[in-house]
Amino acid sequence: MAGKNFKIDDDKEILKINSPRVSVGGPYVVVYKDIIERWAIVALDWEKEPRLGIRWFWGNAGNPFSTGHPTWLIIPPKLVISILNGLPIEFQFRKRLEDYLCGKVDGKELIHSIE
């Protein structure tokens, strides 16, 4: 279940959502999550390009949901900086995330930089 019963406090569970598989690489890290409002933003590859995706975890299936699978709504690149500016994330993580989004590091390097 990817809706109201989803374990949103568990990043490993969030990172298991990888649909549609032909377009999604990763996701690599949870950028931010709001447990009370039940949404999460992740860093992932969308059609081999570094992107951010967002998803809501409410109702029976959450949103977005397609062909029986939870999916990510890909945030347009022009909105990414505004969204990141509104999130309370650590400076070092933000810098590494920007390196990923600019293609300076790949998803695997992003994972290792936060471990």
Protein backbone atom coordinates (compact mmCIF):
# COMPACT_ATOMS: atom_id res chain seq x y z
CA MET A 1 0.00 0.00 0.00
CA ALA A 2 1.40 3.40 -0.92
CA GLY A 3 -1.23 5.59 0.71
CA LYS A 4 -2.27 6.35 4.27
CA ASN A 5 -0.81 3.08 5.61
CA PHE A 6 2.58 3.59 3.95
CA LYS A 7 5.54 3.74 6.37
CA ILE A 8 6.59 7.28 5.42
CA ASP A 9 9.01 7.48 8.34
CA ASP A 10 11.13 4.75 6.67
CA ASP A 11 13.37 6.18 3.92
CA LYS A 12 14.17 2.68 2.64
CA GLU A 13 10.47 2.12 1.90
CA ILE A 14 10.18 5.47 0.13
CA LEU A 15 13.21 4.67 -2.03
CA LYS A 16 11.64 1.39 -3.18
CA ILE A 17 9.14 3.32 -5.31
CA ASN A 18 10.67 3.23 -8.78
CA SER A 19 7.83 3.37 -11.26
CA PRO A 20 7.71 3.63 -14.21
CA ARG A 21 10.85 1.50 -14.33
CA VAL A 22 11.66 2.43 -17.93
CA SER A 23 12.01 6.10 -16.89
CA VAL A 24 13.22 5.99 -13.27
CA GLY A 25 16.80 5.43 -12.15
CA GLY A 26 17.14 5.27 -8.41
CA PRO A 27 15.62 6.96 -6.49
CA TYR A 28 18.82 7.64 -4.64
CA VAL A 29 18.07 9.70 -1.55
CA VAL A 30 15.14 11.20 0.26
CA VAL A 31 15.70 14.94 0.01
CA TYR A 32 12.94 15.86 2.43
CA LYS A 33 9.78 14.37 3.86
CA ASP A 34 6.87 15.76 5.84
CA ILE A 35 5.52 12.97 8.01
CA ILE A 36 2.48 14.93 9.20
CA GLU A 37 1.36 16.12 5.75
CA ARG A 38 2.57 12.79 4.27
CA TRP A 39 4.69 13.78 1.28
CA ALA A 40 8.29 13.21 0.25
CA ILE A 41 10.78 14.59 -2.25
CA VAL A 42 13.52 12.33 -3.66
CA ALA A 43 16.52 12.69 -5.94
CA LEU A 44 16.27 10.32 -8.89
CA ASP A 45 17.16 9.96 -12.53
CA TRP A 46 14.26 10.61 -14.88
CA GLU A 47 15.01 9.28 -18.34
CA LYS A 48 18.73 9.36 -17.42
CA GLU A 49 18.65 13.01 -16.28
CA PRO A 50 19.07 14.04 -12.61
CA ARG A 51 15.77 15.30 -11.22
CA LEU A 52 13.67 15.67 -8.10
CA GLY A 53 10.39 13.82 -7.69
CA ILE A 54 7.55 14.38 -5.24
CA ARG A 55 4.77 12.10 -4.03
CA TRP A 56 1.92 12.28 -1.54
CA PHE A 57 1.10 9.35 0.75
CA TRP A 58 -2.60 9.58 1.59
CA GLY A 59 -5.81 7.78 0.72
CA ASN A 60 -5.65 4.19 -0.48
CA ALA A 61 -2.87 4.61 -3.02
CA GLY A 62 -1.26 8.03 -2.62
CA ASN A 63 -0.65 10.36 -5.52
CA PRO A 64 0.51 10.05 -8.23
CA PHE A 65 -0.50 6.48 -8.92
CA SER A 66 -0.56 4.88 -12.38
CA THR A 67 -1.45 1.44 -13.72
CA GLY A 68 -1.54 -0.02 -10.23
CA HIS A 69 1.82 1.42 -9.13
CA PRO A 70 2.87 4.38 -6.99
CA THR A 71 4.86 6.83 -9.11
CA TRP A 72 6.80 10.09 -8.74
CA LEU A 73 5.70 13.45 -10.06
CA ILE A 74 8.83 14.90 -11.63
CA ILE A 75 9.49 18.48 -10.58
CA PRO A 76 10.35 20.70 -13.58
CA PRO A 77 13.98 21.92 -13.46
CA LYS A 78 12.88 25.58 -13.43
CA LEU A 79 11.11 25.00 -10.08
CA VAL A 80 13.87 23.04 -8.32
CA ILE A 81 15.83 25.96 -6.80
CA SER A 82 12.66 27.61 -5.49
CA ILE A 83 11.57 24.35 -3.89
CA LEU A 84 14.99 23.67 -2.37
CA ASN A 85 15.08 27.23 -1.00
CA GLY A 86 11.87 26.47 0.88
CA LEU A 87 13.17 23.32 2.56
CA PRO A 88 15.08 23.19 5.84
CA ILE A 89 17.97 21.03 4.65
CA GLU A 90 21.62 21.12 5.72
CA PHE A 91 24.02 23.27 3.68
CA GLN A 92 26.45 20.41 2.88
CA PHE A 93 23.63 18.16 1.71
CA ARG A 94 22.14 21.00 -0.35
CA LYS A 95 25.50 21.61 -2.05
CA ARG A 96 25.93 17.92 -2.86
CA LEU A 97 22.36 17.75 -4.13
CA GLU A 98 23.00 20.71 -6.42
CA ASP A 99 26.15 18.93 -7.69
CA TYR A 100 23.95 15.94 -8.51
CA LEU A 101 21.29 18.04 -10.23
CA CYS A 102 23.97 19.78 -12.34
CA GLY A 103 25.48 16.44 -13.36
CA LYS A 104 28.75 16.90 -11.44
CA VAL A 105 28.11 13.70 -9.45
CA ASP A 106 25.90 10.73 -10.21
CA GLY A 107 23.23 9.14 -8.01
CA LYS A 108 25.61 6.60 -6.50
CA GLU A 109 28.03 9.35 -5.49
CA LEU A 110 25.13 11.27 -3.98
CA ILE A 111 24.24 8.26 -1.83
CA HIS A 112 27.82 7.85 -0.61
CA SER A 113 28.13 11.52 0.24
CA ILE A 114 25.38 11.27 2.86
CA GLU A 115 26.31 7.91 4.41
